[in-house]
Amino acid sequence: MKEVKVKVNDGIGLHARTASVFAKVAANFDCTVMVKGNGKIGNGKSMLTLMSLGIKSGMDIVIVTEGSDEEKALDKLSQLVENKFEL
């Protein structure tokens, strides 16, 4: 299991577009992806779950990956957040 803490700085937070982008990228990996933030935890491959976390811009999230490609997933997803969800 790997995890990294990143700050969401896209101006809006995890809303429909950013949650959709994150979930689509996460779905490309075989490992489990979880996102912790705002006192909640959810499946990183589910757009609706990500939106329900209530993550606003400026908040920190912890991305947790576990499985065969956990390091690749963690690197890609943390870069995605750091790059304001731009692919």
Protein backbone atom coordinates (compact mmCIF):
# COMPACT_ATOMS: atom_id res chain seq x y z
CA MET A 1 0.00 0.00 0.00
CA LYS A 2 1.27 3.45 -0.97
CA GLU A 3 -0.11 6.88 -0.16
CA VAL A 4 0.65 10.52 -0.81
CA LYS A 5 -0.80 13.79 0.46
CA VAL A 6 -1.50 16.48 -2.16
CA LYS A 7 -3.21 19.86 -2.12
CA VAL A 8 -6.16 20.47 -4.44
CA ASN A 9 -5.50 23.86 -6.04
CA ASP A 10 -7.68 23.92 -9.14
CA GLY A 11 -9.84 26.83 -7.99
CA ILE A 12 -13.01 24.81 -7.40
CA GLY A 13 -12.08 21.47 -5.81
CA LEU A 14 -13.39 17.99 -6.60
CA HIS A 15 -16.54 18.89 -8.51
CA ALA A 16 -18.13 17.19 -11.53
CA ARG A 17 -15.38 17.80 -14.10
CA THR A 18 -12.39 17.20 -11.86
CA ALA A 19 -13.94 14.18 -10.14
CA SER A 20 -14.75 12.71 -13.55
CA VAL A 21 -11.19 13.23 -14.81
CA PHE A 22 -9.70 11.73 -11.64
CA ALA A 23 -12.01 8.69 -11.71
CA LYS A 24 -11.34 8.03 -15.42
CA VAL A 25 -7.57 8.11 -14.90
CA ALA A 26 -7.83 5.95 -11.76
CA ALA A 27 -9.93 3.38 -13.65
CA ASN A 28 -6.97 2.71 -15.95
CA PHE A 29 -5.11 0.99 -13.11
CA ASP A 30 -5.69 -2.48 -11.68
CA CYS A 31 -4.96 -1.43 -8.10
CA THR A 32 -7.46 -0.13 -5.57
CA VAL A 33 -7.56 3.67 -5.38
CA MET A 34 -8.98 5.43 -2.35
CA VAL A 35 -9.13 9.16 -1.60
CA LYS A 36 -9.18 10.57 1.93
CA GLY A 37 -10.16 14.14 2.64
CA ASN A 38 -12.48 16.35 4.62
CA GLY A 39 -12.77 13.62 7.25
CA LYS A 40 -14.11 11.10 4.71
CA ILE A 41 -12.76 8.32 2.51
CA GLY A 42 -14.04 7.11 -0.83
CA ASN A 43 -13.38 5.04 -3.92
CA GLY A 44 -11.14 7.02 -6.27
CA LYS A 45 -12.62 5.27 -9.29
CA SER A 46 -16.14 6.62 -8.59
CA MET A 47 -16.95 10.15 -9.73
CA LEU A 48 -20.02 10.35 -7.48
CA THR A 49 -18.10 9.16 -4.44
CA LEU A 50 -15.35 11.71 -5.09
CA MET A 51 -17.90 14.50 -5.38
CA SER A 52 -19.52 13.41 -2.11
CA LEU A 53 -16.25 13.98 -0.19
CA GLY A 54 -16.83 17.74 -0.34
CA ILE A 55 -13.24 18.59 -1.25
CA LYS A 56 -12.79 22.32 -1.89
CA SER A 57 -9.85 24.12 -3.46
CA GLY A 58 -7.01 24.53 -0.99
CA MET A 59 -7.82 21.33 0.91
CA ASP A 60 -5.40 18.42 1.22
CA ILE A 61 -6.32 14.92 0.11
CA VAL A 62 -4.51 11.65 0.64
CA ILE A 63 -4.46 9.28 -2.32
CA VAL A 64 -4.04 5.65 -1.27
CA THR A 65 -3.26 2.88 -3.77
CA GLU A 66 -2.90 -0.85 -3.21
CA GLY A 67 -2.16 -3.53 -5.77
CA SER A 68 0.12 -4.56 -8.58
CA ASP A 69 0.49 -1.11 -10.20
CA GLU A 70 0.08 1.01 -7.05
CA GLU A 71 3.23 3.08 -7.58
CA LYS A 72 2.36 4.00 -11.19
CA ALA A 73 -1.18 4.91 -10.15
CA LEU A 74 0.00 7.02 -7.24
CA ASP A 75 2.49 8.90 -9.40
CA LYS A 76 -0.03 9.57 -12.18
CA LEU A 77 -2.88 10.60 -9.87
CA SER A 78 -0.76 12.87 -7.67
CA GLN A 79 0.61 14.58 -10.79
CA LEU A 80 -2.94 14.98 -12.08
CA VAL A 81 -4.00 16.80 -8.89
CA GLU A 82 -0.83 18.91 -8.85
CA ASN A 83 -1.46 19.89 -12.50
CA LYS A 84 -4.99 21.07 -11.64
CA PHE A 85 -6.59 18.02 -13.30
CA GLU A 86 -5.21 18.84 -16.74
CA LEU A 87 -4.24 15.71 -18.68
